[in-house]
Structures are given as structure tokens and as C-alpha cells.
Amino acid sequence: MLKSKEIYIQAMSASCCAGVSKEEIYESLLLSKSGIKKHKDFLIDGSLSAIGKIDSPHSFENIMLEQVEDVLKSSELESFHNTFLLVGSSVGGMAWSEEQFIGSGGSCIDIDLNRQSIYSISHTLNKKYGFKDSITFSTACTSSSNAIVFAKELLESGACEEVLVVGADSISLTTVNGFNALGVLSDECATPFDRDRTGMNVAEGVGVILLGSMPSDIKLVGVGCSSDAHNITHPHPEGNGAKSAMQNALDNANLDASSIDYINAHGTGTTANDRAEGRAIISLFPNRPLVGSTKSITGHTLGACGTIELIISAMVLKNQTVPQNFNLKNQELEELNLPIENISIEIKFALSNAFAFGGNNVSIIIQKVSDES
């Protein structure tokens, strides 16, 4: 039987409210420097909302282009002309559509459909870089994670030599008010896995990952998906779908659960998600790997969280230091190994979770490649 093609992270870049580069984001995690701030311009009732807005004078579109350009310069590619583009986004051009619609007083005349659709991001990127081809995934909070899963399939099949995965979601009024209507928004910084949690923080962000077969220090070794469809918005209370996705990723990587050293949890800070994911981890990982949610620092970047949090997991592997769970004071599930201070420890395998509405679940495993490998 032929050995599967090995896949590596060739280059990566990210920007969110916690920092405008992957290095700044990781430093913010280590320093417990949250990017969540209170704003009054997003909820229709005029009340304050705690959200994660990127602190930059540039537009979200320009921030995204800067991250893609950074990956191109960091890679050994001269262009993206032979690169397959996969985009993951939950809202696409929603924020731009709102800006145009509200700015015109409610008129739909002269609105560019290419910029307001779900594929608006790939449209923008293709105009500048001319990718070989592109596909957009929109599966809510697993959008960019599903894009990574498909990237692995494309590379293993030999359909292309390199794939650029871009997870991107900007803040929009529709998103913020939609989550507010569900009653899950917090007006404070989220505290995932805390008994006294008050909800989640909507945030914006961009995560860009170039995948290929050229060896590097981070290898993509396993992906797993599931779709339990327990409820349109709530996961199964015992985390059955989450557990299946993690087990499928372990099987795909040919690893035992005891191999995982660190789990970057989806950890939104909502009661339903935290309990379901926590129970799934406890059930599947009796060796009690280190578990952390980074959303108290970055906010929930929706369709971009898959790439951003995989980049964070890669930074953990590179630096061999797991960030503390910021502001965790009253842990609900005692069986979870949730560090409340930064821990430097040997870490070989990390698993990153992303879960979405409708029971759509994705888990991804990456490996730190030693110099001797």
C-alpha cells in the first residue's frame, strides 16, 4: 500500500483583536492581554457589547490582503498562480453589504454582488493573485477548519502541489445581533469552562495557512469530522459529535488518545458548548492532556477560528509553551486539565477543535517535527 503524502505548514499568518501578527497574538496569550473591548455601535438596542475588533487604521479587506502577502513572502513561492485557494467564512461580504445598504439609506442600486456574497473573499483575493482555482466553505464556525480538511484531501490525492487556506470573518451587525438574539453574548470578556461564565464574544480575524509537501517543523497529521445534527444551535449535551470528530482525527493520524499533549478547545464560553466539549474530552482522553481555550483573548472569530486557532496551536508546538486559561477562576469540570499559568513542557502533538451550529464538528491534529525526524 502506498504511503500517504506527508503534508506540512509551509507558512502562516494571522491577525485578530489580540494582535496584528501571529507573534503578537501568541504573546498576548502568554501575557493574558485580551483584545476584547466594549463597544456601543453594534447592538440595535444601543447597549454595550464586548467584542473583538482588530485595532488597525486599515480596512478589514486590507488587513486580509496583508496577511496573504505575508504568507507569500514567507514561502518559497514566486506567485500563487499554481496554488489552490480555499476560503472559510461564515458571513463573507456581510459587513460590506451592511455598509453599502445603510450608507445609501436602504438602497440596493449599484451594489456589487461580487462583494456581498459568501464568495466575496475569494473574489477579492483572485483579483489580486490569480489563483489556480478556488472554493469557499461556509459552515458557520467550522468554515476554515473544513477548508483545511479539504486541503489535506487535495494534497494527498496529488490534485495540486500547494493549497492556501484563508479563514476570514469581519464584524457585522447581523452577526452580533444574531448571537444576541440567541442570548449567548457576554457584556464582559468570556471565561470558557468557568462555572460563572456569562457567554461569548463575537470577534473578527484572519488566519492564513499555506500547506504543501515541503518538509517544515509543523506537520498536519490528522483530520476528523462528524455531523451529529442534535439541534440547530445546541450540541449534544454529552458531546457525542465532538467526541466522534476527535476520534476520527486520531484514527486518521493513526494515533492513540494518549499521544495528544495539548488540546486547543473550541471553548466559546457558552454553557452548552463548554459542557459538551469538556465531557467529550474527559471521556476520550483519560491521560488528561493540557486543555485551553484562547477565545477569552482573541474572541470568537467565527468562520476564521479554525485557521487562527490552528496557527496558535502551531505556535504552541514551536515554542513548547501552553498559554494559561485567562481569567479562569471557578473551573466547572474538575477532570479537565486547564492550566491557569503558562506551562513550558515537551509537546509533540496538538489537537485543535472547531464546532458549529447543526452539529458540524471538525478536529485537526498537528505534530512538532524534531530535528532527528
Protein backbone atom coordinates (compact mmCIF):
# COMPACT_ATOMS: atom_id res chain seq x y z
CA MET A 1 0.00 0.00 0.00
CA LEU A 2 1.33 3.43 -0.93
CA LYS A 3 2.20 5.72 1.95
CA SER A 4 0.05 8.83 2.21
CA LYS A 5 1.76 12.03 1.15
CA GLU A 6 3.06 13.98 4.13
CA ILE A 7 1.68 17.50 4.50
CA TYR A 8 3.35 20.42 6.23
CA ILE A 9 2.56 24.01 7.15
CA GLN A 10 4.81 25.97 4.78
CA ALA A 11 3.90 29.43 6.04
CA MET A 12 1.21 31.04 8.18
CA SER A 13 -0.02 34.46 9.23
CA ALA A 14 -2.84 35.79 11.40
CA SER A 15 -4.48 38.95 12.68
CA CYS A 16 -7.23 39.47 15.24
CA CYS A 17 -8.09 41.73 18.17
CA ALA A 18 -5.27 40.16 20.21
CA GLY A 19 -2.58 41.18 17.72
CA VAL A 20 -1.88 42.05 14.10
CA SER A 21 0.57 39.18 13.62
CA LYS A 22 0.83 35.56 14.81
CA GLU A 23 3.70 36.56 17.09
CA GLU A 24 1.68 39.36 18.71
CA ILE A 25 -1.31 37.07 19.18
CA TYR A 26 0.79 34.39 20.86
CA GLU A 27 2.49 36.98 23.08
CA SER A 28 -0.92 38.34 24.12
CA LEU A 29 -1.94 34.81 25.12
CA LEU A 30 1.16 34.40 27.27
CA LEU A 31 0.69 37.84 28.84
CA SER A 32 -3.08 37.38 29.34
CA LYS A 33 -3.67 40.51 27.29
CA SER A 34 -7.22 40.24 25.99
CA GLY A 35 -8.28 42.11 22.87
CA ILE A 36 -11.94 42.15 23.91
CA LYS A 37 -13.33 45.65 24.44
CA LYS A 38 -16.77 47.17 24.99
CA HIS A 39 -18.43 48.89 22.04
CA LYS A 40 -21.76 50.68 21.73
CA ASP A 41 -22.21 50.70 17.94
CA PHE A 42 -23.24 47.12 17.24
CA LEU A 43 -26.40 46.20 19.17
CA ILE A 44 -29.66 47.64 17.83
CA ASP A 45 -30.89 48.42 21.34
CA GLY A 46 -27.84 50.67 21.87
CA SER A 47 -26.42 48.69 24.78
CA LEU A 48 -22.73 47.92 25.18
CA SER A 49 -21.33 44.74 23.72
CA ALA A 50 -17.95 43.15 24.43
CA ILE A 51 -16.47 42.21 21.07
CA GLY A 52 -13.12 41.66 19.41
CA LYS A 53 -12.33 44.36 16.83
CA ILE A 54 -8.92 44.47 15.17
CA ASP A 55 -7.04 47.58 16.31
CA SER A 56 -5.83 48.89 12.96
CA PRO A 57 -6.32 52.00 10.81
CA HIS A 58 -6.67 49.74 7.77
CA SER A 59 -9.87 48.23 6.42
CA PHE A 60 -10.59 44.57 7.08
CA GLU A 61 -10.03 43.85 3.39
CA ASN A 62 -6.56 45.41 3.52
CA ILE A 63 -5.74 43.54 6.73
CA MET A 64 -6.65 40.29 4.97
CA LEU A 65 -4.53 41.16 1.94
CA GLU A 66 -1.60 41.99 4.22
CA GLN A 67 -1.80 38.54 5.83
CA VAL A 68 -1.92 36.77 2.47
CA GLU A 69 1.01 38.84 1.22
CA ASP A 70 2.96 37.97 4.37
CA VAL A 71 2.48 34.26 3.67
CA LEU A 72 3.57 34.66 0.05
CA LYS A 73 6.76 36.47 1.12
CA SER A 74 7.44 33.89 3.84
CA SER A 75 7.08 31.00 1.41
CA GLU A 76 9.37 29.93 -1.40
CA LEU A 77 6.70 30.68 -4.00
CA GLU A 78 7.07 33.45 -6.55
CA SER A 79 3.30 33.69 -7.04
CA PHE A 80 0.04 31.91 -6.26
CA HIS A 81 -0.74 31.12 -9.91
CA ASN A 82 -0.39 27.36 -9.34
CA THR A 83 -1.88 27.42 -5.85
CA PHE A 84 -5.40 26.25 -5.00
CA LEU A 85 -7.28 28.76 -2.79
CA LEU A 86 -9.71 27.54 -0.14
CA VAL A 87 -11.64 30.16 1.83
CA GLY A 88 -13.57 29.61 5.05
CA SER A 89 -16.02 32.31 6.13
CA SER A 90 -19.36 32.36 7.91
CA VAL A 91 -20.56 35.74 6.60
CA GLY A 92 -18.44 36.57 3.53
CA GLY A 93 -19.21 40.12 2.45
CA MET A 94 -21.94 40.76 5.03
CA ALA A 95 -20.20 43.73 6.68
CA TRP A 96 -19.53 45.37 3.32
CA SER A 97 -23.17 44.82 2.31
CA GLU A 98 -24.40 46.45 5.51
CA GLU A 99 -22.09 49.41 4.97
CA GLN A 100 -23.33 49.94 1.44
CA PHE A 101 -27.01 49.41 2.29
CA ILE A 102 -27.03 51.63 5.39
CA GLY A 103 -24.80 54.24 3.75
CA SER A 104 -27.16 54.54 0.80
CA GLY A 105 -30.19 54.93 3.03
CA GLY A 106 -31.52 51.48 2.26
CA SER A 107 -30.99 51.45 -1.49
CA CYS A 108 -29.83 48.32 -3.36
CA ILE A 109 -28.91 50.25 -6.51
CA ASP A 110 -25.32 49.87 -7.73
CA ILE A 111 -24.40 47.27 -5.10
CA ASP A 112 -21.61 44.99 -6.32
CA LEU A 113 -22.91 41.44 -5.88
CA ASN A 114 -19.39 40.04 -6.04
CA ARG A 115 -18.53 41.87 -2.84
CA GLN A 116 -21.60 40.99 -0.79
CA SER A 117 -21.85 37.25 -1.45
CA ILE A 118 -20.25 34.44 0.54
CA TYR A 119 -17.52 34.13 -2.11
CA SER A 120 -16.60 37.84 -1.87
CA ILE A 121 -13.31 36.98 -0.14
CA SER A 122 -12.14 34.60 -2.86
CA HIS A 123 -13.27 37.16 -5.45
CA THR A 124 -11.07 39.83 -3.83
CA LEU A 125 -8.07 37.51 -3.49
CA ASN A 126 -8.37 36.12 -7.01
CA LYS A 127 -8.42 39.62 -8.47
CA LYS A 128 -5.02 40.34 -6.91
CA TYR A 129 -3.26 36.98 -7.04
CA GLY A 130 -4.86 34.89 -9.79
CA PHE A 131 -5.06 31.53 -8.02
CA LYS A 132 -5.22 28.24 -9.92
CA ASP A 133 -8.78 27.72 -8.66
CA SER A 134 -10.81 28.45 -5.55
CA ILE A 135 -13.63 27.12 -3.39
CA THR A 136 -15.40 28.83 -0.49
CA PHE A 137 -16.66 26.95 2.56
CA SER A 138 -19.40 28.40 4.75
CA THR A 139 -20.29 26.06 7.60
CA ALA A 140 -20.51 28.64 10.38
CA CYS A 141 -17.72 28.27 12.96
CA THR A 142 -16.11 25.27 11.21
CA SER A 143 -15.75 27.04 7.85
CA SER A 144 -11.97 27.35 7.71
CA SER A 145 -11.47 24.02 9.52
CA ASN A 146 -13.46 22.27 6.81
CA ALA A 147 -11.30 24.09 4.27
CA ILE A 148 -8.21 22.58 5.92
CA VAL A 149 -9.78 19.11 5.77
CA PHE A 150 -10.38 19.50 2.04
CA ALA A 151 -6.87 20.92 1.55
CA LYS A 152 -5.46 17.72 3.02
CA GLU A 153 -7.55 15.66 0.60
CA LEU A 154 -6.43 17.74 -2.39
CA LEU A 155 -2.76 17.41 -1.48
CA GLU A 156 -2.91 13.70 -0.69
CA SER A 157 -4.63 12.97 -3.99
CA GLY A 158 -1.96 14.89 -5.91
CA ALA A 159 -4.56 17.28 -7.36
CA CYS A 160 -2.27 20.21 -6.52
CA GLU A 161 1.14 20.93 -5.03
CA GLU A 162 0.15 23.60 -2.54
CA VAL A 163 -3.07 24.95 -1.06
CA LEU A 164 -3.65 28.32 0.57
CA VAL A 165 -6.35 28.25 3.24
CA VAL A 166 -7.78 31.62 4.26
CA GLY A 167 -10.18 31.90 7.20
CA ALA A 168 -11.69 35.36 7.39
CA ASP A 169 -14.69 36.95 9.08
CA SER A 170 -15.27 40.59 9.87
CA ILE A 171 -17.59 42.08 12.47
CA SER A 172 -21.08 42.66 11.13
CA LEU A 173 -24.26 43.99 12.73
CA THR A 174 -26.14 40.92 11.55
CA THR A 175 -23.75 38.54 13.31
CA VAL A 176 -23.58 40.44 16.60
CA ASN A 177 -27.33 40.92 16.85
CA GLY A 178 -27.98 37.35 15.75
CA PHE A 179 -25.94 35.92 18.61
CA ASN A 180 -27.52 38.46 20.95
CA ALA A 181 -30.95 37.16 19.95
CA LEU A 182 -29.80 33.67 20.96
CA GLY A 183 -28.98 35.04 24.42
CA VAL A 184 -25.34 33.89 24.37
CA LEU A 185 -23.46 37.21 24.15
CA SER A 186 -21.48 38.38 27.17
CA ASP A 187 -21.01 42.05 28.04
CA GLU A 188 -17.70 41.07 29.67
CA CYS A 189 -14.66 39.14 28.49
CA ALA A 190 -15.64 35.50 28.03
CA THR A 191 -14.45 32.91 30.57
CA PRO A 192 -14.66 29.48 28.88
CA PHE A 193 -15.04 26.43 31.19
CA ASP A 194 -15.73 28.67 34.19
CA ARG A 195 -18.78 27.86 36.31
CA ASP A 196 -19.65 31.56 36.37
CA ARG A 197 -19.32 32.12 32.62
CA THR A 198 -21.57 34.78 31.09
CA GLY A 199 -21.36 33.98 27.37
CA MET A 200 -19.24 34.52 24.28
CA ASN A 201 -17.62 37.47 22.49
CA VAL A 202 -18.09 37.88 18.74
CA ALA A 203 -14.82 38.88 17.08
CA GLU A 204 -13.19 39.35 13.70
CA GLY A 205 -9.99 37.86 12.39
CA VAL A 206 -7.94 36.45 9.55
CA GLY A 207 -5.89 33.26 9.56
CA VAL A 208 -3.85 32.24 6.51
CA ILE A 209 -2.08 28.87 6.16
CA LEU A 210 -0.07 27.58 3.19
CA LEU A 211 0.01 23.77 3.07
CA GLY A 212 2.29 21.63 0.92
CA SER A 213 4.65 18.66 0.87
CA MET A 214 7.90 20.54 1.50
CA PRO A 215 9.13 19.48 4.98
CA SER A 216 8.94 22.03 7.79
CA ASP A 217 8.80 21.92 11.58
CA ILE A 218 4.99 21.52 11.72
CA LYS A 219 3.23 18.58 10.06
CA LEU A 220 -0.53 18.18 9.50
CA VAL A 221 -1.11 14.56 10.52
CA GLY A 222 -4.83 14.05 11.07
CA VAL A 223 -8.28 15.47 10.45
CA GLY A 224 -11.64 14.29 11.68
CA CYS A 225 -15.22 15.38 11.05
CA SER A 226 -18.66 14.48 12.31
CA SER A 227 -22.21 15.74 11.96
CA ASP A 228 -24.45 14.71 14.82
CA ALA A 229 -27.26 17.19 13.99
CA HIS A 230 -28.54 17.06 17.57
CA ASN A 231 -30.04 20.55 17.42
CA ILE A 232 -29.90 23.56 15.10
CA THR A 233 -27.84 25.56 17.63
CA HIS A 234 -27.01 23.30 20.59
CA PRO A 235 -24.51 20.41 20.62
CA HIS A 236 -25.39 17.04 22.11
CA PRO A 237 -25.12 17.53 25.90
CA GLU A 238 -22.63 14.66 26.24
CA GLY A 239 -20.56 15.92 23.32
CA ASN A 240 -21.15 12.85 21.13
CA GLY A 241 -20.38 14.70 17.90
CA ALA A 242 -17.30 16.37 19.34
CA LYS A 243 -16.00 13.03 20.59
CA SER A 244 -16.57 11.42 17.18
CA ALA A 245 -14.67 14.20 15.38
CA MET A 246 -11.70 13.91 17.76
CA GLN A 247 -11.67 10.11 17.48
CA ASN A 248 -11.83 10.35 13.68
CA ALA A 249 -8.85 12.71 13.71
CA LEU A 250 -6.90 10.28 15.90
CA ASP A 251 -7.76 7.42 13.54
CA ASN A 252 -6.76 9.49 10.51
CA ALA A 253 -3.41 10.26 12.17
CA ASN A 254 -3.01 6.63 13.35
CA LEU A 255 -2.56 7.85 16.92
CA ASP A 256 -3.82 6.80 20.33
CA ALA A 257 -5.57 9.37 22.52
CA SER A 258 -2.59 9.24 24.90
CA SER A 259 -0.39 10.77 22.17
CA ILE A 260 -2.10 14.18 22.38
CA ASP A 261 -0.25 16.62 24.63
CA TYR A 262 -2.33 19.77 24.11
CA ILE A 263 -5.90 20.49 23.01
CA ASN A 264 -6.91 23.93 21.75
CA ALA A 265 -10.57 23.69 22.67
CA HIS A 266 -13.36 25.36 20.74
CA GLY A 267 -14.32 26.71 24.18
CA THR A 268 -16.72 29.50 23.33
CA GLY A 269 -17.73 30.41 26.88
CA THR A 270 -21.35 29.30 26.45
CA THR A 271 -22.76 26.72 28.85
CA ALA A 272 -23.92 24.28 26.17
CA ASN A 273 -20.65 24.25 24.23
CA ASP A 274 -18.28 24.18 27.19
CA ARG A 275 -20.06 21.31 28.93
CA ALA A 276 -20.44 19.22 25.75
CA GLU A 277 -16.85 19.68 24.63
CA GLY A 278 -15.49 19.24 28.15
CA ARG A 279 -17.35 15.98 28.66
CA ALA A 280 -16.18 14.71 25.27
CA ILE A 281 -12.53 15.46 26.13
CA ILE A 282 -12.82 13.83 29.56
CA SER A 283 -14.38 10.72 28.02
CA LEU A 284 -11.83 10.33 25.21
CA PHE A 285 -8.57 11.45 26.88
CA PRO A 286 -8.03 9.70 30.24
CA ASN A 287 -4.38 10.84 30.17
CA ARG A 288 -5.63 14.40 30.81
CA PRO A 289 -3.73 16.45 28.20
CA LEU A 290 -3.41 20.20 28.73
CA VAL A 291 -6.57 21.95 27.53
CA GLY A 292 -7.04 25.62 26.77
CA SER A 293 -9.48 27.97 25.14
CA THR A 294 -7.89 31.06 23.62
CA LYS A 295 -11.20 32.84 22.94
CA SER A 296 -11.01 34.89 26.13
CA ILE A 297 -8.06 36.65 24.45
CA THR A 298 -8.98 36.52 20.74
CA GLY A 299 -12.76 36.42 20.96
CA HIS A 300 -14.75 34.01 18.80
CA THR A 301 -13.65 34.76 15.23
CA LEU A 302 -16.45 32.58 13.81
CA GLY A 303 -15.51 31.12 10.41
CA ALA A 304 -11.89 32.19 10.88
CA CYS A 305 -11.37 30.46 14.23
CA GLY A 306 -10.28 27.18 12.60
CA THR A 307 -7.22 28.67 10.90
CA ILE A 308 -6.42 31.19 13.65
CA GLU A 309 -6.52 28.58 16.41
CA LEU A 310 -4.57 26.04 14.35
CA ILE A 311 -1.90 28.74 13.93
CA ILE A 312 -1.98 29.30 17.71
CA SER A 313 -1.58 25.54 18.20
CA ALA A 314 1.40 25.59 15.81
CA MET A 315 2.93 28.45 17.83
CA VAL A 316 2.48 26.36 20.99
CA LEU A 317 4.36 23.50 19.32
CA LYS A 318 7.11 25.80 18.06
CA ASN A 319 7.61 27.46 21.44
CA GLN A 320 6.79 24.43 23.63
CA THR A 321 4.73 26.63 25.95
CA VAL A 322 0.99 26.34 26.60
CA PRO A 323 -0.77 29.64 27.44
CA GLN A 324 -2.84 29.86 30.59
CA ASN A 325 -6.64 29.95 30.52
CA PHE A 326 -7.15 33.66 31.05
CA ASN A 327 -9.45 34.70 33.89
CA LEU A 328 -10.46 31.13 34.80
CA LYS A 329 -11.39 31.31 38.47
CA ASN A 330 -14.07 28.71 39.18
CA GLN A 331 -13.50 25.66 36.96
CA GLU A 332 -16.71 23.72 36.31
CA LEU A 333 -15.40 20.33 35.10
CA GLU A 334 -12.62 19.39 37.50
CA GLU A 335 -11.46 16.46 35.34
CA LEU A 336 -10.24 18.85 32.65
CA ASN A 337 -6.56 19.79 32.84
CA LEU A 338 -6.94 23.56 32.40
CA PRO A 339 -3.70 25.41 33.23
CA ILE A 340 -4.10 28.77 34.98
CA GLU A 341 -0.49 29.74 34.33
CA ASN A 342 1.77 29.35 31.30
CA ILE A 343 3.33 25.89 31.19
CA SER A 344 6.56 25.06 29.37
CA ILE A 345 6.58 21.35 28.60
CA GLU A 346 7.54 18.98 25.81
CA ILE A 347 4.68 18.91 23.33
CA LYS A 348 4.74 16.73 20.22
CA PHE A 349 1.09 16.51 19.16
CA ALA A 350 -1.61 19.18 19.41
CA LEU A 351 -5.30 18.86 18.56
CA SER A 352 -7.45 21.86 17.63
CA ASN A 353 -11.26 21.76 17.74
CA ALA A 354 -13.92 23.74 15.90
CA PHE A 355 -17.63 23.08 16.34
CA ALA A 356 -20.58 24.75 14.63
CA PHE A 357 -24.35 25.03 14.50
CA GLY A 358 -26.21 21.93 13.41
CA GLY A 359 -23.65 19.60 14.99
CA ASN A 360 -20.94 20.21 12.40
CA ASN A 361 -17.66 19.27 14.08
CA VAL A 362 -14.00 19.29 12.96
CA SER A 363 -10.82 18.28 14.80
CA ILE A 364 -7.31 18.73 13.40
CA ILE A 365 -4.03 17.25 14.70
CA ILE A 366 -0.60 18.72 14.03
CA GLN A 367 2.85 17.46 15.01
CA LYS A 368 6.11 19.14 16.00
CA VAL A 369 8.76 17.63 13.78
CA SER A 370 12.03 17.06 15.62
CA ASP A 371 15.42 17.71 14.03
CA GLU A 372 16.09 13.97 14.12
CA SER A 373 12.92 13.07 12.18
